[in-house]
Amino acid sequence: MCARYTLTAEEKEILKTHPHQIQGEWTPNYNLAITQKGLVITADEPDIIQQMSFGIVPYFADNLKLTRDTWNIKSETAMESKLWRPLLVNHKTCLVMADSFYEWKELDKGDKQPYRFTLKDRKLFCFAGLWSQWVDPETKEKFRTYGILTTEANALVAEIHSKKRMPVILTKPEENIWLSKKLPLDTKMSVLDTFPQELMKRVKVSKRVNAVSTLKKPNNDSDLLLPLNTDDDI
């Protein structure tokens, strides 16, 4: 669905499309994974680009450890969820900035081949997201985290992803709708649709992408983006 994506844009590129203040120093990420920091714009503070951790830690959690899949949020049933409904009702919506995402095709014997998906008409785009804040009961320190809403995959993604899901990619007008705190919730939910396949590109990339980057074993460089140039690139 979306457990790995990229935001390779430099700060100056980001500010061209979203001219806001970026909190902290941003370093391009070619292999952004769960628990790592991504750039987010919230409905509460729409003029600030914040850094938050990928994977929502519920406000009622005992600690920061992720005990379930909270990085992907199924849009079709989000309003039925005790976890996601309060965030939607209270407009804890956000834009998750990205310039591509990875999905894996299952091969024989448990092997997986990664593919990278981008947009044809623009480099930088935003996923529809939700965010939450957890407060350490002892230190009172605040931690903000986010997740990405998913929807039914278009054919380009469904050919690769066995569960036929993909992240919700917003058009520029939809970004404003998703961040609005004045529009009815039904109107906001209406943007959580499938992005057109004809506006996307797909390339096969190195299996190096399969490994999450860590401090001990870094795996985060521009070579991860290089296409393998095969017949199933579209």
C-alpha atoms as a PDB file:
ATOM      1  CA  MET A   1       0.000   0.000   0.000  1.00  0.00           C
ATOM      2  CA  CYS A   2       2.548   2.575   1.066  1.00  0.00           C
ATOM      3  CA  ALA A   3       5.217   1.641   3.575  1.00  0.00           C
ATOM      4  CA  ARG A   4       8.101   3.207   1.665  1.00  0.00           C
ATOM      5  CA  TYR A   5       8.326   6.393  -0.379  1.00  0.00           C
ATOM      6  CA  THR A   6      10.727   9.174  -1.315  1.00  0.00           C
ATOM      7  CA  LEU A   7      11.089  12.890  -0.846  1.00  0.00           C
ATOM      8  CA  THR A   8      14.248  13.711  -2.758  1.00  0.00           C
ATOM      9  CA  ALA A   9      13.473  17.381  -3.337  1.00  0.00           C
ATOM     10  CA  GLU A  10      15.748  20.006  -1.835  1.00  0.00           C
ATOM     11  CA  GLU A  11      14.275  22.726   0.395  1.00  0.00           C
ATOM     12  CA  LYS A  12      14.244  25.294  -2.439  1.00  0.00           C
ATOM     13  CA  GLU A  13      12.250  22.909  -4.657  1.00  0.00           C
ATOM     14  CA  ILE A  14       9.739  22.274  -1.873  1.00  0.00           C
ATOM     15  CA  LEU A  15       9.264  25.974  -1.223  1.00  0.00           C
ATOM     16  CA  LYS A  16       8.435  26.621  -4.890  1.00  0.00           C
ATOM     17  CA  THR A  17       5.317  24.463  -4.673  1.00  0.00           C
ATOM     18  CA  HIS A  18       4.503  25.052  -0.993  1.00  0.00           C
ATOM     19  CA  PRO A  19       5.961  28.434   0.045  1.00  0.00           C
ATOM     20  CA  HIS A  20       5.842  27.941   3.799  1.00  0.00           C
ATOM     21  CA  GLN A  21       8.302  27.826   6.676  1.00  0.00           C
ATOM     22  CA  ILE A  22      10.092  24.469   7.019  1.00  0.00           C
ATOM     23  CA  GLN A  23      10.749  23.535  10.638  1.00  0.00           C
ATOM     24  CA  GLY A  24      14.195  22.078  11.146  1.00  0.00           C
ATOM     25  CA  GLU A  25      16.772  21.135   8.545  1.00  0.00           C
ATOM     26  CA  TRP A  26      15.518  18.838   5.779  1.00  0.00           C
ATOM     27  CA  THR A  27      17.723  16.225   4.104  1.00  0.00           C
ATOM     28  CA  PRO A  28      16.401  14.505   0.933  1.00  0.00           C
ATOM     29  CA  ASN A  29      15.314  10.924   1.573  1.00  0.00           C
ATOM     30  CA  TYR A  30      15.455   8.271  -1.171  1.00  0.00           C
ATOM     31  CA  ASN A  31      14.116   5.450   0.984  1.00  0.00           C
ATOM     32  CA  LEU A  32      11.740   6.864   3.605  1.00  0.00           C
ATOM     33  CA  ALA A  33      10.439   4.095   5.856  1.00  0.00           C
ATOM     34  CA  ILE A  34       8.191   3.634   8.875  1.00  0.00           C
ATOM     35  CA  THR A  35       9.355   5.535  12.029  1.00  0.00           C
ATOM     36  CA  GLN A  36      11.527   7.877   9.933  1.00  0.00           C
ATOM     37  CA  LYS A  37      10.803  11.596   9.614  1.00  0.00           C
ATOM     38  CA  GLY A  38       8.757  12.981   6.729  1.00  0.00           C
ATOM     39  CA  LEU A  39       7.485  16.456   5.837  1.00  0.00           C
ATOM     40  CA  VAL A  40       3.859  17.213   6.674  1.00  0.00           C
ATOM     41  CA  ILE A  41       1.497  20.189   6.422  1.00  0.00           C
ATOM     42  CA  THR A  42      -1.439  20.073   8.856  1.00  0.00           C
ATOM     43  CA  ALA A  43      -4.887  21.657   8.766  1.00  0.00           C
ATOM     44  CA  ASP A  44      -4.147  23.175  12.177  1.00  0.00           C
ATOM     45  CA  GLU A  45      -0.955  24.896  11.004  1.00  0.00           C
ATOM     46  CA  PRO A  46      -1.237  25.161   7.194  1.00  0.00           C
ATOM     47  CA  ASP A  47       1.599  27.682   6.858  1.00  0.00           C
ATOM     48  CA  ILE A  48       4.244  25.444   8.433  1.00  0.00           C
ATOM     49  CA  ILE A  49       5.963  22.378   6.982  1.00  0.00           C
ATOM     50  CA  GLN A  50       6.638  20.107   9.937  1.00  0.00           C
ATOM     51  CA  GLN A  51       8.765  17.018  10.415  1.00  0.00           C
ATOM     52  CA  MET A  52       6.876  14.079  11.912  1.00  0.00           C
ATOM     53  CA  SER A  53       7.485  10.350  12.294  1.00  0.00           C
ATOM     54  CA  PHE A  54       5.851   7.976   9.806  1.00  0.00           C
ATOM     55  CA  GLY A  55       3.408   5.644  11.588  1.00  0.00           C
ATOM     56  CA  ILE A  56       0.755   7.003  13.946  1.00  0.00           C
ATOM     57  CA  VAL A  57       1.229   6.488  17.674  1.00  0.00           C
ATOM     58  CA  PRO A  58      -2.280   6.852  19.190  1.00  0.00           C
ATOM     59  CA  TYR A  59      -2.616   9.476  21.914  1.00  0.00           C
ATOM     60  CA  PHE A  60      -3.659   6.733  24.364  1.00  0.00           C
ATOM     61  CA  ALA A  61      -0.649   4.475  23.686  1.00  0.00           C
ATOM     62  CA  ASP A  62       1.592   3.455  26.593  1.00  0.00           C
ATOM     63  CA  ASN A  63       4.742   4.261  24.633  1.00  0.00           C
ATOM     64  CA  LEU A  64       6.064   5.208  21.197  1.00  0.00           C
ATOM     65  CA  LYS A  65       6.410   1.633  19.997  1.00  0.00           C
ATOM     66  CA  LEU A  66       4.242   0.786  16.973  1.00  0.00           C
ATOM     67  CA  THR A  67       2.219  -2.319  17.808  1.00  0.00           C
ATOM     68  CA  ARG A  68       0.029  -2.399  14.683  1.00  0.00           C
ATOM     69  CA  ASP A  69      -0.114  -1.022  11.134  1.00  0.00           C
ATOM     70  CA  THR A  70      -0.868   2.663  11.642  1.00  0.00           C
ATOM     71  CA  TRP A  71       1.116   3.990   8.687  1.00  0.00           C
ATOM     72  CA  ASN A  72      -1.594   3.041   6.157  1.00  0.00           C
ATOM     73  CA  ILE A  73      -5.235   4.025   6.715  1.00  0.00           C
ATOM     74  CA  LYS A  74      -7.961   2.455   4.576  1.00  0.00           C
ATOM     75  CA  SER A  75     -10.008   5.436   3.402  1.00  0.00           C
ATOM     76  CA  GLU A  76     -13.197   3.471   2.705  1.00  0.00           C
ATOM     77  CA  THR A  77     -13.574   2.370   6.344  1.00  0.00           C
ATOM     78  CA  ALA A  78     -11.734   5.155   8.208  1.00  0.00           C
ATOM     79  CA  MET A  79     -14.969   6.685   9.525  1.00  0.00           C
ATOM     80  CA  GLU A  80     -15.919   3.352  11.060  1.00  0.00           C
ATOM     81  CA  SER A  81     -12.664   3.094  13.001  1.00  0.00           C
ATOM     82  CA  LYS A  82     -12.426   4.093  16.666  1.00  0.00           C
ATOM     83  CA  LEU A  83      -8.849   5.148  15.969  1.00  0.00           C
ATOM     84  CA  TRP A  84      -9.301   7.147  12.759  1.00  0.00           C
ATOM     85  CA  ARG A  85     -12.797   8.625  13.134  1.00  0.00           C
ATOM     86  CA  PRO A  86     -11.835  11.082  15.933  1.00  0.00           C
ATOM     87  CA  LEU A  87      -8.927  12.355  13.836  1.00  0.00           C
ATOM     88  CA  LEU A  88     -11.204  12.927  10.845  1.00  0.00           C
ATOM     89  CA  VAL A  89     -13.974  14.572  12.862  1.00  0.00           C
ATOM     90  CA  ASN A  90     -11.471  16.888  14.546  1.00  0.00           C
ATOM     91  CA  HIS A  91      -9.805  17.787  11.228  1.00  0.00           C
ATOM     92  CA  LYS A  92      -6.461  16.205  12.041  1.00  0.00           C
ATOM     93  CA  THR A  93      -5.846  16.018   8.314  1.00  0.00           C
ATOM     94  CA  CYS A  94      -2.486  16.648   6.701  1.00  0.00           C
ATOM     95  CA  LEU A  95      -0.555  16.659   3.453  1.00  0.00           C
ATOM     96  CA  VAL A  96       2.331  14.209   3.294  1.00  0.00           C
ATOM     97  CA  MET A  97       4.931  15.524   0.872  1.00  0.00           C
ATOM     98  CA  ALA A  98       6.528  13.050  -1.558  1.00  0.00           C
ATOM     99  CA  ASP A  99       7.934  12.687  -5.068  1.00  0.00           C
ATOM    100  CA  SER A 100       7.554   8.919  -5.541  1.00  0.00           C
ATOM    101  CA  PHE A 101       6.568   5.736  -3.766  1.00  0.00           C
ATOM    102  CA  TYR A 102       7.668   2.117  -3.950  1.00  0.00           C
ATOM    103  CA  GLU A 103       5.580  -1.023  -4.298  1.00  0.00           C
ATOM    104  CA  TRP A 104       6.708  -4.640  -4.562  1.00  0.00           C
ATOM    105  CA  LYS A 105       5.766  -7.445  -6.929  1.00  0.00           C
ATOM    106  CA  GLU A 106       5.826 -10.870  -5.335  1.00  0.00           C
ATOM    107  CA  LEU A 107       8.153 -13.321  -7.078  1.00  0.00           C
ATOM    108  CA  ASP A 108       8.888 -16.997  -6.535  1.00  0.00           C
ATOM    109  CA  LYS A 109      10.137 -18.302  -3.180  1.00  0.00           C
ATOM    110  CA  GLY A 110       9.202 -15.166  -1.268  1.00  0.00           C
ATOM    111  CA  ASP A 111      11.389 -12.855  -3.319  1.00  0.00           C
ATOM    112  CA  LYS A 112      10.094  -9.367  -4.112  1.00  0.00           C
ATOM    113  CA  GLN A 113      10.868  -6.914  -6.916  1.00  0.00           C
ATOM    114  CA  PRO A 114      10.481  -3.181  -6.146  1.00  0.00           C
ATOM    115  CA  TYR A 115       8.947  -0.655  -8.535  1.00  0.00           C
ATOM    116  CA  ARG A 116       8.975   3.116  -8.251  1.00  0.00           C
ATOM    117  CA  PHE A 117       5.892   5.190  -9.082  1.00  0.00           C
ATOM    118  CA  THR A 118       6.026   8.887 -10.014  1.00  0.00           C
ATOM    119  CA  LEU A 119       3.711  11.463 -11.582  1.00  0.00           C
ATOM    120  CA  LYS A 120       4.121  12.607 -15.193  1.00  0.00           C
ATOM    121  CA  ASP A 121       3.102  16.250 -14.779  1.00  0.00           C
ATOM    122  CA  ARG A 122       4.937  17.224 -11.588  1.00  0.00           C
ATOM    123  CA  LYS A 123       7.797  16.030  -9.439  1.00  0.00           C
ATOM    124  CA  LEU A 124       6.472  16.934  -6.005  1.00  0.00           C
ATOM    125  CA  PHE A 125       3.010  15.863  -4.845  1.00  0.00           C
ATOM    126  CA  CYS A 126       1.145  15.119  -1.633  1.00  0.00           C
ATOM    127  CA  PHE A 127      -0.565  12.096  -0.146  1.00  0.00           C
ATOM    128  CA  ALA A 128      -3.687  12.570   1.963  1.00  0.00           C
ATOM    129  CA  GLY A 129      -2.730  11.899   5.565  1.00  0.00           C
ATOM    130  CA  LEU A 130      -3.881  11.992   9.173  1.00  0.00           C
ATOM    131  CA  TRP A 131      -1.729  12.950  12.131  1.00  0.00           C
ATOM    132  CA  SER A 132      -1.803  12.590  15.902  1.00  0.00           C
ATOM    133  CA  GLN A 133       0.083  13.783  18.965  1.00  0.00           C
ATOM    134  CA  TRP A 134       1.343  11.585  21.788  1.00  0.00           C
ATOM    135  CA  VAL A 135       2.523  13.091  25.080  1.00  0.00           C
ATOM    136  CA  ASP A 136       5.078  11.296  27.229  1.00  0.00           C
ATOM    137  CA  PRO A 137       3.349  10.796  30.608  1.00  0.00           C
ATOM    138  CA  GLU A 138       6.596  11.367  32.503  1.00  0.00           C
ATOM    139  CA  THR A 139       8.450  14.096  30.619  1.00  0.00           C
ATOM    140  CA  LYS A 140       5.364  15.698  28.993  1.00  0.00           C
ATOM    141  CA  GLU A 141       7.359  15.843  25.756  1.00  0.00           C
ATOM    142  CA  LYS A 142       5.141  15.906  22.650  1.00  0.00           C
ATOM    143  CA  PHE A 143       5.620  13.575  19.684  1.00  0.00           C
ATOM    144  CA  ARG A 144       3.753  14.010  16.403  1.00  0.00           C
ATOM    145  CA  THR A 145       3.219  11.150  13.973  1.00  0.00           C
ATOM    146  CA  TYR A 146       1.347  10.611  10.716  1.00  0.00           C
ATOM    147  CA  GLY A 147      -0.168   7.979   8.458  1.00  0.00           C
ATOM    148  CA  ILE A 148      -1.150   7.846   4.781  1.00  0.00           C
ATOM    149  CA  LEU A 149      -4.645   7.145   3.531  1.00  0.00           C
ATOM    150  CA  THR A 150      -4.997   4.410   0.920  1.00  0.00           C
ATOM    151  CA  THR A 151      -7.605   3.547  -1.695  1.00  0.00           C
ATOM    152  CA  GLU A 152      -8.261   1.061  -4.475  1.00  0.00           C
ATOM    153  CA  ALA A 153      -5.284   0.857  -6.831  1.00  0.00           C
ATOM    154  CA  ASN A 154      -5.436   1.891 -10.456  1.00  0.00           C
ATOM    155  CA  ALA A 155      -4.359  -0.695 -13.038  1.00  0.00           C
ATOM    156  CA  LEU A 156      -0.758   0.569 -13.159  1.00  0.00           C
ATOM    157  CA  VAL A 157      -0.281  -0.124  -9.444  1.00  0.00           C
ATOM    158  CA  ALA A 158      -2.621  -3.125  -9.199  1.00  0.00           C
ATOM    159  CA  GLU A 159      -0.489  -5.046 -11.693  1.00  0.00           C
ATOM    160  CA  ILE A 160       2.324  -4.897  -9.123  1.00  0.00           C
ATOM    161  CA  HIS A 161       0.620  -4.756  -5.733  1.00  0.00           C
ATOM    162  CA  SER A 162      -1.063  -8.024  -4.748  1.00  0.00           C
ATOM    163  CA  LYS A 163      -3.572  -6.340  -2.409  1.00  0.00           C
ATOM    164  CA  LYS A 164      -4.614  -3.889  -5.148  1.00  0.00           C
ATOM    165  CA  ARG A 165      -4.171  -0.812  -2.935  1.00  0.00           C
ATOM    166  CA  MET A 166      -2.334   2.485  -3.374  1.00  0.00           C
ATOM    167  CA  PRO A 167      -1.836   5.742  -1.457  1.00  0.00           C
ATOM    168  CA  VAL A 168      -4.294   8.579  -2.009  1.00  0.00           C
ATOM    169  CA  ILE A 169      -2.530  11.147  -4.212  1.00  0.00           C
ATOM    170  CA  LEU A 170      -4.103  14.607  -4.187  1.00  0.00           C
ATOM    171  CA  THR A 171      -4.385  17.106  -7.027  1.00  0.00           C
ATOM    172  CA  LYS A 172      -3.433  20.686  -6.171  1.00  0.00           C
ATOM    173  CA  PRO A 173      -7.097  21.789  -5.697  1.00  0.00           C
ATOM    174  CA  GLU A 174      -7.727  18.699  -3.561  1.00  0.00           C
ATOM    175  CA  GLU A 175      -4.868  19.662  -1.259  1.00  0.00           C
ATOM    176  CA  ASN A 176      -6.798  22.768  -0.201  1.00  0.00           C
ATOM    177  CA  ILE A 177      -9.977  20.767   0.301  1.00  0.00           C
ATOM    178  CA  TRP A 178      -8.228  18.157   2.449  1.00  0.00           C
ATOM    179  CA  LEU A 179      -6.678  20.838   4.673  1.00  0.00           C
ATOM    180  CA  SER A 180      -9.886  22.854   5.083  1.00  0.00           C
ATOM    181  CA  LYS A 181     -11.399  23.018   8.560  1.00  0.00           C
ATOM    182  CA  LYS A 182     -14.533  24.735   7.269  1.00  0.00           C
ATOM    183  CA  LEU A 183     -15.748  22.328   4.592  1.00  0.00           C
ATOM    184  CA  PRO A 184     -18.099  19.476   5.563  1.00  0.00           C
ATOM    185  CA  LEU A 185     -16.347  16.210   6.271  1.00  0.00           C
ATOM    186  CA  ASP A 186     -18.236  14.510   3.424  1.00  0.00           C
ATOM    187  CA  THR A 187     -16.707  17.007   1.010  1.00  0.00           C
ATOM    188  CA  LYS A 188     -13.221  16.341   2.349  1.00  0.00           C
ATOM    189  CA  MET A 189     -13.706  12.584   2.148  1.00  0.00           C
ATOM    190  CA  SER A 190     -14.747  12.898  -1.501  1.00  0.00           C
ATOM    191  CA  VAL A 191     -11.125  13.594  -2.521  1.00  0.00           C
ATOM    192  CA  LEU A 192      -9.969  10.184  -1.291  1.00  0.00           C
ATOM    193  CA  ASP A 193     -10.255   8.597  -4.711  1.00  0.00           C
ATOM    194  CA  THR A 194      -7.951   6.682  -7.053  1.00  0.00           C
ATOM    195  CA  PHE A 195      -5.386   8.750  -8.935  1.00  0.00           C
ATOM    196  CA  PRO A 196      -5.579   8.253 -12.745  1.00  0.00           C
ATOM    197  CA  GLN A 197      -3.084   5.737 -14.079  1.00  0.00           C
ATOM    198  CA  GLU A 198      -2.511   7.744 -17.252  1.00  0.00           C
ATOM    199  CA  LEU A 199      -0.929  10.497 -15.143  1.00  0.00           C
ATOM    200  CA  MET A 200       1.604   8.155 -13.532  1.00  0.00           C
ATOM    201  CA  LYS A 201       4.826   6.384 -14.489  1.00  0.00           C
ATOM    202  CA  ARG A 202       6.239   3.080 -13.261  1.00  0.00           C
ATOM    203  CA  VAL A 203       9.815   1.767 -13.403  1.00  0.00           C
ATOM    204  CA  LYS A 204      11.519  -1.308 -12.012  1.00  0.00           C
ATOM    205  CA  VAL A 205      14.343  -0.429  -9.613  1.00  0.00           C
ATOM    206  CA  SER A 206      17.116  -2.276  -7.804  1.00  0.00           C
ATOM    207  CA  LYS A 207      16.320  -4.764  -5.061  1.00  0.00           C
ATOM    208  CA  ARG A 208      18.596  -2.660  -2.894  1.00  0.00           C
ATOM    209  CA  VAL A 209      15.420  -0.724  -2.109  1.00  0.00           C
ATOM    210  CA  ASN A 210      14.164  -3.757  -0.187  1.00  0.00           C
ATOM    211  CA  ALA A 211      16.479  -2.998   2.731  1.00  0.00           C
ATOM    212  CA  VAL A 212      15.401  -0.240   5.112  1.00  0.00           C
ATOM    213  CA  SER A 213      18.129   2.300   5.790  1.00  0.00           C
ATOM    214  CA  THR A 214      19.500   2.337   9.352  1.00  0.00           C
ATOM    215  CA  LEU A 215      22.333   4.139  11.110  1.00  0.00           C
ATOM    216  CA  LYS A 216      24.386   0.946  11.166  1.00  0.00           C
ATOM    217  CA  LYS A 217      23.534  -0.005   7.583  1.00  0.00           C
ATOM    218  CA  PRO A 218      22.781   3.132   5.530  1.00  0.00           C
ATOM    219  CA  ASN A 219      20.787   2.510   2.360  1.00  0.00           C
ATOM    220  CA  ASN A 220      19.663   5.930   1.231  1.00  0.00           C
ATOM    221  CA  ASP A 221      21.204   7.346  -1.939  1.00  0.00           C
ATOM    222  CA  SER A 222      20.145   8.514  -5.388  1.00  0.00           C
ATOM    223  CA  ASP A 223      21.211   5.246  -7.058  1.00  0.00           C
ATOM    224  CA  LEU A 224      18.092   3.641  -5.562  1.00  0.00           C
ATOM    225  CA  LEU A 225      16.045   5.658  -8.069  1.00  0.00           C
ATOM    226  CA  LEU A 226      17.833   4.367 -11.164  1.00  0.00           C
ATOM    227  CA  PRO A 227      15.493   2.391 -13.464  1.00  0.00           C
ATOM    228  CA  LEU A 228      16.504  -1.075 -14.604  1.00  0.00           C
ATOM    229  CA  ASN A 229      15.001  -0.299 -18.035  1.00  0.00           C
ATOM    230  CA  THR A 230      12.855  -3.389 -18.560  1.00  0.00           C
ATOM    231  CA  ASP A 231       9.835  -4.093 -20.732  1.00  0.00           C
ATOM    232  CA  ASP A 232       7.362  -3.581 -17.877  1.00  0.00           C
ATOM    233  CA  ASP A 233       8.438   0.030 -17.279  1.00  0.00           C
ATOM    234  CA  ILE A 234       5.531   2.324 -18.192  1.00  0.00           C
END
